[in-house]
C-alpha atoms as a PDB file:
ATOM      1  CA  UNK A   1      93.125  97.027  97.928  1.00  0.00           C
ATOM      2  CA  UNK A   2      94.349 100.005  99.922  1.00  0.00           C
ATOM      3  CA  UNK A   3      91.892 102.441  98.345  1.00  0.00           C
ATOM      4  CA  UNK A   4      88.081 102.652  98.692  1.00  0.00           C
ATOM      5  CA  UNK A   5      86.105 100.968  95.898  1.00  0.00           C
ATOM      6  CA  UNK A   6      84.034 103.750  94.318  1.00  0.00           C
ATOM      7  CA  UNK A   7      86.412 104.737  91.480  1.00  0.00           C
ATOM      8  CA  UNK A   8      87.045 101.123  90.503  1.00  0.00           C
ATOM      9  CA  UNK A   9      83.313 100.401  90.569  1.00  0.00           C
ATOM     10  CA  UNK A  10      82.802 103.304  88.158  1.00  0.00           C
ATOM     11  CA  UNK A  11      85.358 101.885  85.730  1.00  0.00           C
ATOM     12  CA  UNK A  12      83.939  98.375  86.126  1.00  0.00           C
ATOM     13  CA  UNK A  13      80.450  99.672  85.390  1.00  0.00           C
ATOM     14  CA  UNK A  14      81.578 101.513  82.261  1.00  0.00           C
ATOM     15  CA  UNK A  15      83.557  98.470  81.100  1.00  0.00           C
ATOM     16  CA  UNK A  16      80.534  96.212  81.609  1.00  0.00           C
ATOM     17  CA  UNK A  17      78.373  98.640  79.636  1.00  0.00           C
ATOM     18  CA  UNK A  18      80.862  98.423  76.739  1.00  0.00           C
ATOM     19  CA  UNK A  19      80.757  94.612  76.829  1.00  0.00           C
ATOM     20  CA  UNK A  20      84.129  94.014  78.509  1.00  0.00           C
ATOM     21  CA  UNK A  21      84.123  90.383  79.707  1.00  0.00           C
ATOM     22  CA  UNK A  22      87.520  89.426  81.197  1.00  0.00           C
ATOM     23  CA  UNK A  23      86.193  86.112  82.544  1.00  0.00           C
ATOM     24  CA  UNK A  24      85.629  84.969  78.959  1.00  0.00           C
ATOM     25  CA  UNK A  25      89.163  85.880  77.818  1.00  0.00           C
ATOM     26  CA  UNK A  26      92.180  85.220  80.100  1.00  0.00           C
ATOM     27  CA  UNK A  27      94.252  87.723  78.062  1.00  0.00           C
ATOM     28  CA  UNK A  28      92.110  90.526  79.517  1.00  0.00           C
ATOM     29  CA  UNK A  29      92.808  89.816  83.184  1.00  0.00           C
ATOM     30  CA  UNK A  30      95.736  92.291  83.509  1.00  0.00           C
ATOM     31  CA  UNK A  31      97.383  90.316  86.287  1.00  0.00           C
ATOM     32  CA  UNK A  32     100.868  91.524  85.230  1.00  0.00           C
ATOM     33  CA  UNK A  33     102.066  95.064  84.468  1.00  0.00           C
ATOM     34  CA  UNK A  34     103.115  95.618  80.847  1.00  0.00           C
ATOM     35  CA  UNK A  35     101.471  92.557  79.295  1.00  0.00           C
ATOM     36  CA  UNK A  36      99.987  92.879  75.759  1.00  0.00           C
ATOM     37  CA  UNK A  37      96.339  93.878  75.492  1.00  0.00           C
ATOM     38  CA  UNK A  38      93.626  94.350  72.915  1.00  0.00           C
ATOM     39  CA  UNK A  39      93.327  98.050  71.839  1.00  0.00           C
ATOM     40  CA  UNK A  40      89.526  97.828  71.901  1.00  0.00           C
ATOM     41  CA  UNK A  41      89.660  96.695  75.516  1.00  0.00           C
ATOM     42  CA  UNK A  42      92.027  99.537  76.365  1.00  0.00           C
ATOM     43  CA  UNK A  43      89.497 102.041  75.019  1.00  0.00           C
ATOM     44  CA  UNK A  44      86.749 100.412  77.054  1.00  0.00           C
ATOM     45  CA  UNK A  45      88.714 100.749  80.296  1.00  0.00           C
ATOM     46  CA  UNK A  46      90.210 104.172  79.570  1.00  0.00           C
ATOM     47  CA  UNK A  47      87.031 105.876  78.367  1.00  0.00           C
ATOM     48  CA  UNK A  48      85.655 106.981  81.732  1.00  0.00           C
ATOM     49  CA  UNK A  49      88.955 108.357  83.138  1.00  0.00           C
ATOM     50  CA  UNK A  50      89.439 110.277  79.884  1.00  0.00           C
ATOM     51  CA  UNK A  51      85.917 111.683  80.122  1.00  0.00           C
ATOM     52  CA  UNK A  52      86.572 112.723  83.735  1.00  0.00           C
ATOM     53  CA  UNK A  53      89.832 114.380  82.690  1.00  0.00           C
ATOM     54  CA  UNK A  54      88.011 116.352  80.005  1.00  0.00           C
ATOM     55  CA  UNK A  55      85.332 117.418  82.476  1.00  0.00           C
ATOM     56  CA  UNK A  56      88.060 118.615  84.845  1.00  0.00           C
ATOM     57  CA  UNK A  57      88.859 121.500  82.488  1.00  0.00           C
ATOM     58  CA  UNK A  58      85.259 122.724  82.618  1.00  0.00           C
ATOM     59  CA  UNK A  59      85.124 122.268  86.395  1.00  0.00           C
ATOM     60  CA  UNK A  60      88.248 124.401  86.892  1.00  0.00           C
ATOM     61  CA  UNK A  61      86.704 127.049  84.630  1.00  0.00           C
ATOM     62  CA  UNK A  62      83.582 127.019  86.808  1.00  0.00           C
ATOM     63  CA  UNK A  63      85.600 127.058  90.041  1.00  0.00           C
ATOM     64  CA  UNK A  64      87.602 130.097  88.943  1.00  0.00           C
ATOM     65  CA  UNK A  65      84.390 131.872  87.993  1.00  0.00           C
ATOM     66  CA  UNK A  66      82.639 131.214  91.299  1.00  0.00           C
ATOM     67  CA  UNK A  67      85.722 132.428  93.180  1.00  0.00           C
ATOM     68  CA  UNK A  68      85.346 135.797  91.492  1.00  0.00           C
ATOM     69  CA  UNK A  69      87.501 135.524  88.376  1.00  0.00           C
ATOM     70  CA  UNK A  70      86.369 137.224  85.185  1.00  0.00           C
ATOM     71  CA  UNK A  71      85.258 135.050  82.291  1.00  0.00           C
ATOM     72  CA  UNK A  72      88.589 135.600  80.518  1.00  0.00           C
ATOM     73  CA  UNK A  73      90.560 134.679  83.624  1.00  0.00           C
ATOM     74  CA  UNK A  74      88.401 131.592  84.212  1.00  0.00           C
ATOM     75  CA  UNK A  75      88.949 130.583  80.576  1.00  0.00           C
ATOM     76  CA  UNK A  76      92.688 131.031  81.097  1.00  0.00           C
ATOM     77  CA  UNK A  77      92.569 128.787  84.197  1.00  0.00           C
ATOM     78  CA  UNK A  78      90.745 126.086  82.239  1.00  0.00           C
ATOM     79  CA  UNK A  79      93.260 126.400  79.409  1.00  0.00           C
ATOM     80  CA  UNK A  80      96.153 125.869  81.830  1.00  0.00           C
ATOM     81  CA  UNK A  81      94.462 122.661  83.016  1.00  0.00           C
ATOM     82  CA  UNK A  82      93.861 121.512  79.432  1.00  0.00           C
ATOM     83  CA  UNK A  83      97.538 121.997  78.550  1.00  0.00           C
ATOM     84  CA  UNK A  84      99.013 120.403  81.672  1.00  0.00           C
ATOM     85  CA  UNK A  85     100.813 117.168  80.833  1.00  0.00           C
ATOM     86  CA  UNK A  86     100.384 115.656  84.291  1.00  0.00           C
ATOM     87  CA  UNK A  87      96.589 115.935  84.150  1.00  0.00           C
ATOM     88  CA  UNK A  88      96.604 114.526  80.614  1.00  0.00           C
ATOM     89  CA  UNK A  89      98.685 111.513  81.695  1.00  0.00           C
ATOM     90  CA  UNK A  90      96.470 110.869  84.721  1.00  0.00           C
ATOM     91  CA  UNK A  91      93.333 110.853  82.565  1.00  0.00           C
ATOM     92  CA  UNK A  92      94.939 108.978  79.663  1.00  0.00           C
ATOM     93  CA  UNK A  93      95.229 105.662  81.507  1.00  0.00           C
ATOM     94  CA  UNK A  94      93.216 103.575  83.953  1.00  0.00           C
ATOM     95  CA  UNK A  95      93.878 105.841  86.938  1.00  0.00           C
ATOM     96  CA  UNK A  96      91.456 107.069  89.576  1.00  0.00           C
ATOM     97  CA  UNK A  97      92.791 110.585  90.105  1.00  0.00           C
ATOM     98  CA  UNK A  98      90.560 112.314  87.535  1.00  0.00           C
ATOM     99  CA  UNK A  99      87.459 111.029  89.340  1.00  0.00           C
ATOM    100  CA  UNK A 100      88.769 112.233  92.688  1.00  0.00           C
ATOM    101  CA  UNK A 101      89.622 115.703  91.347  1.00  0.00           C
ATOM    102  CA  UNK A 102      86.236 116.068  89.637  1.00  0.00           C
ATOM    103  CA  UNK A 103      84.196 115.180  92.716  1.00  0.00           C
ATOM    104  CA  UNK A 104      86.503 117.131  95.029  1.00  0.00           C
ATOM    105  CA  UNK A 105      86.485 120.370  93.064  1.00  0.00           C
ATOM    106  CA  UNK A 106      82.716 120.119  92.550  1.00  0.00           C
ATOM    107  CA  UNK A 107      82.414 119.792  96.340  1.00  0.00           C
ATOM    108  CA  UNK A 108      84.310 123.075  96.747  1.00  0.00           C
ATOM    109  CA  UNK A 109      82.090 124.773  94.150  1.00  0.00           C
ATOM    110  CA  UNK A 110      78.972 123.580  95.999  1.00  0.00           C
ATOM    111  CA  UNK A 111      80.395 124.747  99.349  1.00  0.00           C
ATOM    112  CA  UNK A 112      81.229 128.226  98.023  1.00  0.00           C
ATOM    113  CA  UNK A 113      77.743 128.492  96.495  1.00  0.00           C
ATOM    114  CA  UNK A 114      76.187 127.375  99.792  1.00  0.00           C
ATOM    115  CA  UNK A 115      78.143 129.991 101.766  1.00  0.00           C
ATOM    116  CA  UNK A 116      76.516 132.673  99.630  1.00  0.00           C
ATOM    117  CA  UNK A 117      72.995 131.266  99.958  1.00  0.00           C
ATOM    118  CA  UNK A 118      70.387 130.917 102.676  1.00  0.00           C
ATOM    119  CA  UNK A 119      67.407 128.775 103.631  1.00  0.00           C
ATOM    120  CA  UNK A 120      66.627 125.583 101.740  1.00  0.00           C
ATOM    121  CA  UNK A 121      69.065 126.401  98.958  1.00  0.00           C
ATOM    122  CA  UNK A 122      71.936 126.652 101.443  1.00  0.00           C
ATOM    123  CA  UNK A 123      70.926 123.351 103.048  1.00  0.00           C
ATOM    124  CA  UNK A 124      70.752 121.582  99.672  1.00  0.00           C
ATOM    125  CA  UNK A 125      74.093 122.962  98.446  1.00  0.00           C
ATOM    126  CA  UNK A 126      75.812 122.128 101.744  1.00  0.00           C
ATOM    127  CA  UNK A 127      74.491 118.560 101.602  1.00  0.00           C
ATOM    128  CA  UNK A 128      75.607 118.353  97.968  1.00  0.00           C
ATOM    129  CA  UNK A 129      79.095 119.525  98.951  1.00  0.00           C
ATOM    130  CA  UNK A 130      79.229 116.840 101.644  1.00  0.00           C
ATOM    131  CA  UNK A 131      78.058 114.095  99.275  1.00  0.00           C
ATOM    132  CA  UNK A 132      80.572 115.105  96.588  1.00  0.00           C
ATOM    133  CA  UNK A 133      83.338 115.247  99.178  1.00  0.00           C
ATOM    134  CA  UNK A 134      82.325 111.769 100.363  1.00  0.00           C
ATOM    135  CA  UNK A 135      82.525 110.486  96.786  1.00  0.00           C
ATOM    136  CA  UNK A 136      85.996 112.030  96.341  1.00  0.00           C
ATOM    137  CA  UNK A 137      87.068 110.241  99.534  1.00  0.00           C
ATOM    138  CA  UNK A 138      85.398 107.090  98.188  1.00  0.00           C
ATOM    139  CA  UNK A 139      87.696 107.163  95.157  1.00  0.00           C
ATOM    140  CA  UNK A 140      90.976 107.586  97.058  1.00  0.00           C
ATOM    141  CA  UNK A 141      91.692 108.255 100.709  1.00  0.00           C
ATOM    142  CA  UNK A 142      93.656 111.372  99.771  1.00  0.00           C
ATOM    143  CA  UNK A 143      90.315 112.779  98.576  1.00  0.00           C
ATOM    144  CA  UNK A 144      89.583 113.600 102.223  1.00  0.00           C
ATOM    145  CA  UNK A 145      91.403 116.894 101.639  1.00  0.00           C
ATOM    146  CA  UNK A 146      88.432 118.129  99.585  1.00  0.00           C
ATOM    147  CA  UNK A 147      86.026 117.551 102.446  1.00  0.00           C
ATOM    148  CA  UNK A 148      88.384 119.576 104.613  1.00  0.00           C
ATOM    149  CA  UNK A 149      88.465 122.314 101.949  1.00  0.00           C
ATOM    150  CA  UNK A 150      84.652 122.452 101.886  1.00  0.00           C
ATOM    151  CA  UNK A 151      84.649 122.761 105.673  1.00  0.00           C
ATOM    152  CA  UNK A 152      87.254 125.533 105.407  1.00  0.00           C
ATOM    153  CA  UNK A 153      84.883 127.538 103.198  1.00  0.00           C
ATOM    154  CA  UNK A 154      82.312 127.645 105.993  1.00  0.00           C
ATOM    155  CA  UNK A 155      84.983 128.338 108.617  1.00  0.00           C
ATOM    156  CA  UNK A 156      86.188 131.408 106.695  1.00  0.00           C
ATOM    157  CA  UNK A 157      82.570 132.540 106.416  1.00  0.00           C
ATOM    158  CA  UNK A 158      82.161 132.138 110.193  1.00  0.00           C
ATOM    159  CA  UNK A 159      85.334 134.108 110.927  1.00  0.00           C
ATOM    160  CA  UNK A 160      84.217 136.935 108.674  1.00  0.00           C
ATOM    161  CA  UNK A 161      80.710 137.078 110.186  1.00  0.00           C
ATOM    162  CA  UNK A 162      82.002 136.398 113.733  1.00  0.00           C
ATOM    163  CA  UNK A 163      79.221 133.856 114.149  1.00  0.00           C
ATOM    164  CA  UNK A 164      79.886 130.118 114.370  1.00  0.00           C
ATOM    165  CA  UNK A 165      76.269 128.981 114.521  1.00  0.00           C
ATOM    166  CA  UNK A 166      76.052 128.461 110.755  1.00  0.00           C
ATOM    167  CA  UNK A 167      79.484 126.832 110.724  1.00  0.00           C
ATOM    168  CA  UNK A 168      78.449 124.161 113.226  1.00  0.00           C
ATOM    169  CA  UNK A 169      75.220 123.485 111.325  1.00  0.00           C
ATOM    170  CA  UNK A 170      77.098 123.312 108.000  1.00  0.00           C
ATOM    171  CA  UNK A 171      79.711 120.946 109.452  1.00  0.00           C
ATOM    172  CA  UNK A 172      76.982 118.593 110.675  1.00  0.00           C
ATOM    173  CA  UNK A 173      75.213 118.657 107.308  1.00  0.00           C
ATOM    174  CA  UNK A 174      78.506 118.006 105.481  1.00  0.00           C
ATOM    175  CA  UNK A 175      79.257 114.992 107.679  1.00  0.00           C
ATOM    176  CA  UNK A 176      75.692 113.648 107.483  1.00  0.00           C
ATOM    177  CA  UNK A 177      75.787 113.762 103.666  1.00  0.00           C
ATOM    178  CA  UNK A 178      79.387 112.573 103.253  1.00  0.00           C
ATOM    179  CA  UNK A 179      79.080 109.367 105.289  1.00  0.00           C
ATOM    180  CA  UNK A 180      76.320 107.638 103.254  1.00  0.00           C
ATOM    181  CA  UNK A 181      77.901 108.817  99.983  1.00  0.00           C
ATOM    182  CA  UNK A 182      81.187 107.238 101.076  1.00  0.00           C
ATOM    183  CA  UNK A 183      79.635 104.075 102.540  1.00  0.00           C
ATOM    184  CA  UNK A 184      77.099 103.224  99.807  1.00  0.00           C
ATOM    185  CA  UNK A 185      79.683 101.954  97.263  1.00  0.00           C
ATOM    186  CA  UNK A 186      80.953  99.495  99.876  1.00  0.00           C
ATOM    187  CA  UNK A 187      77.543  97.771  99.869  1.00  0.00           C
ATOM    188  CA  UNK A 188      77.842  97.240  96.116  1.00  0.00           C
ATOM    189  CA  UNK A 189      81.499  96.279  96.560  1.00  0.00           C
ATOM    190  CA  UNK A 190      80.622  93.503  99.019  1.00  0.00           C
ATOM    191  CA  UNK A 191      77.785  92.278  96.789  1.00  0.00           C
ATOM    192  CA  UNK A 192      79.939  92.079  93.640  1.00  0.00           C
ATOM    193  CA  UNK A 193      82.892  90.419  95.400  1.00  0.00           C
ATOM    194  CA  UNK A 194      81.384  87.549  97.427  1.00  0.00           C
ATOM    195  CA  UNK A 195      84.214  85.038  96.879  1.00  0.00           C
ATOM    196  CA  UNK A 196      87.299  84.239  98.902  1.00  0.00           C
ATOM    197  CA  UNK A 197      90.576  85.529  97.478  1.00  0.00           C
ATOM    198  CA  UNK A 198      94.202  86.530  98.154  1.00  0.00           C
ATOM    199  CA  UNK A 199      93.113  89.423 100.374  1.00  0.00           C
ATOM    200  CA  UNK A 200      91.746  87.076 103.044  1.00  0.00           C
ATOM    201  CA  UNK A 201      94.973  87.172 105.033  1.00  0.00           C
ATOM    202  CA  UNK A 202      94.431  90.854 105.817  1.00  0.00           C
ATOM    203  CA  UNK A 203      90.969  90.310 107.302  1.00  0.00           C
ATOM    204  CA  UNK A 204      89.632  88.647 110.443  1.00  0.00           C
ATOM    205  CA  UNK A 205      87.948  85.196 110.404  1.00  0.00           C
ATOM    206  CA  UNK A 206      84.644  86.925 111.186  1.00  0.00           C
ATOM    207  CA  UNK A 207      84.989  88.941 107.972  1.00  0.00           C
ATOM    208  CA  UNK A 208      86.165  85.990 105.868  1.00  0.00           C
ATOM    209  CA  UNK A 209      83.343  83.662 106.947  1.00  0.00           C
ATOM    210  CA  UNK A 210      80.943  85.750 104.837  1.00  0.00           C
ATOM    211  CA  UNK A 211      82.987  84.947 101.697  1.00  0.00           C
ATOM    212  CA  UNK A 212      82.297  81.909  99.545  1.00  0.00           C
ATOM    213  CA  UNK A 213      84.913  79.113  99.771  1.00  0.00           C
ATOM    214  CA  UNK A 214      86.754  80.816 102.628  1.00  0.00           C
ATOM    215  CA  UNK A 215      87.465  77.572 104.565  1.00  0.00           C
ATOM    216  CA  UNK A 216      86.414  79.284 107.807  1.00  0.00           C
ATOM    217  CA  UNK A 217      84.428  77.102 110.278  1.00  0.00           C
ATOM    218  CA  UNK A 218      80.721  77.944 109.883  1.00  0.00           C
ATOM    219  CA  UNK A 219      80.309  78.465 113.642  1.00  0.00           C
ATOM    220  CA  UNK A 220      82.302  81.693 113.392  1.00  0.00           C
ATOM    221  CA  UNK A 221      80.017  84.711 113.721  1.00  0.00           C
ATOM    222  CA  UNK A 222      79.473  86.587 110.460  1.00  0.00           C
ATOM    223  CA  UNK A 223      79.852  90.360 110.598  1.00  0.00           C
ATOM    224  CA  UNK A 224      77.114  92.822 109.723  1.00  0.00           C
ATOM    225  CA  UNK A 225      77.602  95.348 106.909  1.00  0.00           C
ATOM    226  CA  UNK A 226      78.548  98.055 109.398  1.00  0.00           C
ATOM    227  CA  UNK A 227      81.139  95.828 111.061  1.00  0.00           C
ATOM    228  CA  UNK A 228      82.592  94.766 107.696  1.00  0.00           C
ATOM    229  CA  UNK A 229      82.669  98.390 106.568  1.00  0.00           C
ATOM    230  CA  UNK A 230      84.556  99.458 109.714  1.00  0.00           C
ATOM    231  CA  UNK A 231      87.017  96.547 109.540  1.00  0.00           C
ATOM    232  CA  UNK A 232      87.825  97.089 105.870  1.00  0.00           C
ATOM    233  CA  UNK A 233      88.386 100.806 106.448  1.00  0.00           C
ATOM    234  CA  UNK A 234      90.680 100.096 109.386  1.00  0.00           C
ATOM    235  CA  UNK A 235      92.660  97.691 107.207  1.00  0.00           C
ATOM    236  CA  UNK A 236      92.910 100.210 104.350  1.00  0.00           C
ATOM    237  CA  UNK A 237      93.981 102.985 106.712  1.00  0.00           C
ATOM    238  CA  UNK A 238      96.623 100.743 108.286  1.00  0.00           C
ATOM    239  CA  UNK A 239      97.974  99.798 104.855  1.00  0.00           C
ATOM    240  CA  UNK A 240      98.182 103.449 103.754  1.00  0.00           C
ATOM    241  CA  UNK A 241      99.752 104.575 107.020  1.00  0.00           C
ATOM    242  CA  UNK A 242     102.318 101.779 106.748  1.00  0.00           C
ATOM    243  CA  UNK A 243     103.636 102.842 103.321  1.00  0.00           C
ATOM    244  CA  UNK A 244     107.033 104.137 104.431  1.00  0.00           C
ATOM    245  CA  UNK A 245     109.477 102.316 102.150  1.00  0.00           C
ATOM    246  CA  UNK A 246     111.715 104.429  99.920  1.00  0.00           C
ATOM    247  CA  UNK A 247     112.103 103.892  96.184  1.00  0.00           C
ATOM    248  CA  UNK A 248     115.224 104.558  94.139  1.00  0.00           C
ATOM    249  CA  UNK A 249     113.122 106.689  91.771  1.00  0.00           C
ATOM    250  CA  UNK A 250     111.208 108.396  94.556  1.00  0.00           C
ATOM    251  CA  UNK A 251     111.104 112.156  95.106  1.00  0.00           C
ATOM    252  CA  UNK A 252     110.581 114.559  97.997  1.00  0.00           C
ATOM    253  CA  UNK A 253     107.531 116.844  98.163  1.00  0.00           C
ATOM    254  CA  UNK A 254     109.781 119.925  97.820  1.00  0.00           C
ATOM    255  CA  UNK A 255     110.958 118.636  94.425  1.00  0.00           C
ATOM    256  CA  UNK A 256     107.456 118.421  92.968  1.00  0.00           C
ATOM    257  CA  UNK A 257     106.738 122.115  92.227  1.00  0.00           C
ATOM    258  CA  UNK A 258     109.979 122.470  90.226  1.00  0.00           C
ATOM    259  CA  UNK A 259     109.598 118.995  88.637  1.00  0.00           C
ATOM    260  CA  UNK A 260     113.123 118.002  89.605  1.00  0.00           C
ATOM    261  CA  UNK A 261     112.309 114.285  89.487  1.00  0.00           C
ATOM    262  CA  UNK A 262     109.191 113.157  87.596  1.00  0.00           C
ATOM    263  CA  UNK A 263     107.285 109.997  88.476  1.00  0.00           C
ATOM    264  CA  UNK A 264     108.370 107.150  86.205  1.00  0.00           C
ATOM    265  CA  UNK A 265     105.263 105.109  85.335  1.00  0.00           C
ATOM    266  CA  UNK A 266     106.426 102.648  82.687  1.00  0.00           C
ATOM    267  CA  UNK A 267     109.360 101.679  80.465  1.00  0.00           C
ATOM    268  CA  UNK A 268     109.925  99.138  77.702  1.00  0.00           C
ATOM    269  CA  UNK A 269     112.856  98.303  75.449  1.00  0.00           C
ATOM    270  CA  UNK A 270     112.393  97.097  71.889  1.00  0.00           C
ATOM    271  CA  UNK A 271     115.321  96.607  69.480  1.00  0.00           C
ATOM    272  CA  UNK A 272     117.547  98.983  71.399  1.00  0.00           C
ATOM    273  CA  UNK A 273     114.907 101.710  71.631  1.00  0.00           C
ATOM    274  CA  UNK A 274     113.212 102.714  74.875  1.00  0.00           C
ATOM    275  CA  UNK A 275     109.636 103.833  75.415  1.00  0.00           C
ATOM    276  CA  UNK A 276     108.812 105.620  78.668  1.00  0.00           C
ATOM    277  CA  UNK A 277     105.795 107.154  80.361  1.00  0.00           C
ATOM    278  CA  UNK A 278     106.392 109.872  82.959  1.00  0.00           C
ATOM    279  CA  UNK A 279     104.134 111.955  85.131  1.00  0.00           C
ATOM    280  CA  UNK A 280     105.680 115.286  84.184  1.00  0.00           C
ATOM    281  CA  UNK A 281     103.948 118.646  84.321  1.00  0.00           C
ATOM    282  CA  UNK A 282     104.000 121.273  81.607  1.00  0.00           C
ATOM    283  CA  UNK A 283     106.915 123.530  82.683  1.00  0.00           C
ATOM    284  CA  UNK A 284     105.202 126.669  81.366  1.00  0.00           C
ATOM    285  CA  UNK A 285     102.058 125.922  83.384  1.00  0.00           C
ATOM    286  CA  UNK A 286     103.788 124.800  86.570  1.00  0.00           C
ATOM    287  CA  UNK A 287     106.310 127.654  86.639  1.00  0.00           C
ATOM    288  CA  UNK A 288     103.561 130.198  85.961  1.00  0.00           C
ATOM    289  CA  UNK A 289     101.511 128.826  88.866  1.00  0.00           C
ATOM    290  CA  UNK A 290     104.609 128.697  91.073  1.00  0.00           C
ATOM    291  CA  UNK A 291     105.306 132.374  90.416  1.00  0.00           C
ATOM    292  CA  UNK A 292     101.648 133.298  90.809  1.00  0.00           C
ATOM    293  CA  UNK A 293     101.428 132.006  94.393  1.00  0.00           C
ATOM    294  CA  UNK A 294     103.810 134.576  95.989  1.00  0.00           C
ATOM    295  CA  UNK A 295     102.370 137.319  93.762  1.00  0.00           C
ATOM    296  CA  UNK A 296      98.839 136.491  94.905  1.00  0.00           C
ATOM    297  CA  UNK A 297     100.036 136.450  98.521  1.00  0.00           C
ATOM    298  CA  UNK A 298     101.536 139.919  98.020  1.00  0.00           C
ATOM    299  CA  UNK A 299      98.228 141.273  96.714  1.00  0.00           C
ATOM    300  CA  UNK A 300      96.389 139.588  99.575  1.00  0.00           C
ATOM    301  CA  UNK A 301      98.581 141.319 102.139  1.00  0.00           C
ATOM    302  CA  UNK A 302      98.475 144.690 100.390  1.00  0.00           C
ATOM    303  CA  UNK A 303      94.740 145.141 100.968  1.00  0.00           C
ATOM    304  CA  UNK A 304      94.157 146.095  97.315  1.00  0.00           C
ATOM    305  CA  UNK A 305      91.569 143.362  96.808  1.00  0.00           C
ATOM    306  CA  UNK A 306      87.900 143.490  97.691  1.00  0.00           C
ATOM    307  CA  UNK A 307      86.586 141.209 100.421  1.00  0.00           C
ATOM    308  CA  UNK A 308      85.245 138.405  98.209  1.00  0.00           C
ATOM    309  CA  UNK A 309      88.488 138.021  96.288  1.00  0.00           C
ATOM    310  CA  UNK A 310      90.506 138.099  99.510  1.00  0.00           C
ATOM    311  CA  UNK A 311      88.242 135.302 100.785  1.00  0.00           C
ATOM    312  CA  UNK A 312      88.817 133.310  97.585  1.00  0.00           C
ATOM    313  CA  UNK A 313      92.585 133.718  97.841  1.00  0.00           C
ATOM    314  CA  UNK A 314      92.574 132.663 101.491  1.00  0.00           C
ATOM    315  CA  UNK A 315      90.646 129.511 100.618  1.00  0.00           C
ATOM    316  CA  UNK A 316      93.025 128.655  97.758  1.00  0.00           C
ATOM    317  CA  UNK A 317      96.065 128.990 100.016  1.00  0.00           C
END
C-alpha cells in the first residue's frame, strides 16, 4: 500500500470489535470495486470513519474558538463543516481522510494552546501536538502538512517575540513526539501481516525473508524493525512521488475551489438508470469560504485587527 498503516489499523480494529470476520466469508473480502456486500458488514466498516467525520465538526468549532472567534462564529464554522457535502462523502464510506483531518486539526489546536502556555504545560501540549501530527501523517502521507502547520504556529510566535530559542526547543519536542507516534503502528502492522503476498515484488529479499512462505533462501539476512520501517517508507514515498499519470476525469488544483470538475467516485447502471457518487462540495459553503479569504486578507492588511486575531489569520493563510 502507498499509505502508512495507522488509519487502516483503526478500521480493522473497529471491524474486529464488531465481529467482522472476512476469512470466514469470501463474500466479505472486497477484492473488486463495486461487488455486492452485506449491509451489516458495511455498517461495521463505515462506523469509525462516520464517527470521525462527526467529531470533525466539534473539532472545527474548537479550533475556531481557540483562534479567537466568538462562540457564535465558532458555531457557524462548525455548521459550515456539518453542511459540507465533501466532508459528508469522505466520512460516509471507508475512507481515511476523516481520521487524518481529526488528528491534524487537533495537532494545530494543541500547538496554539502550547504557544500560549509556559513550563510543564507548554512541554506537554507541544509533545501532544507532535504526537497528533505524527498520527495524522501515519494515516496518509499528505497528513505531513499538519505537522508543518504546528511548526508554523511556533515560528509565528518566535517572529513576534523576536526570540527563536523557544522555537528550536518546540521543534525538537514536536519531532521527538511525532516519530514514535508515526512509527508505532508499523510495529503492529508487521506483526499482523507476517505472510508473503503480492506486495513482495516491491520489497528487497532482505525484507521478504522475514515473511512466511516468501520462498527466499534462509541464508539471506533478515532486517531489523528499524531497517524494515525505513525500507517500507522509502517504497511508499517512491510510489507516491511516481504518481504522475493523467486521468480523463482528472482535474487541476485551480479548478477545485470553484468545483468545476468534481471527483467521480463510483457509477452503476441498472435498467437504464444511473447511480453516481461524487466528491462535490456544498456550493454555498465553498463560495462563502472562497469570498471570505480575500476579505480576511483585506482586514489583515488594514491593521484593524488586534494582534492575536492577526496571528490567527496569518496561520490560517
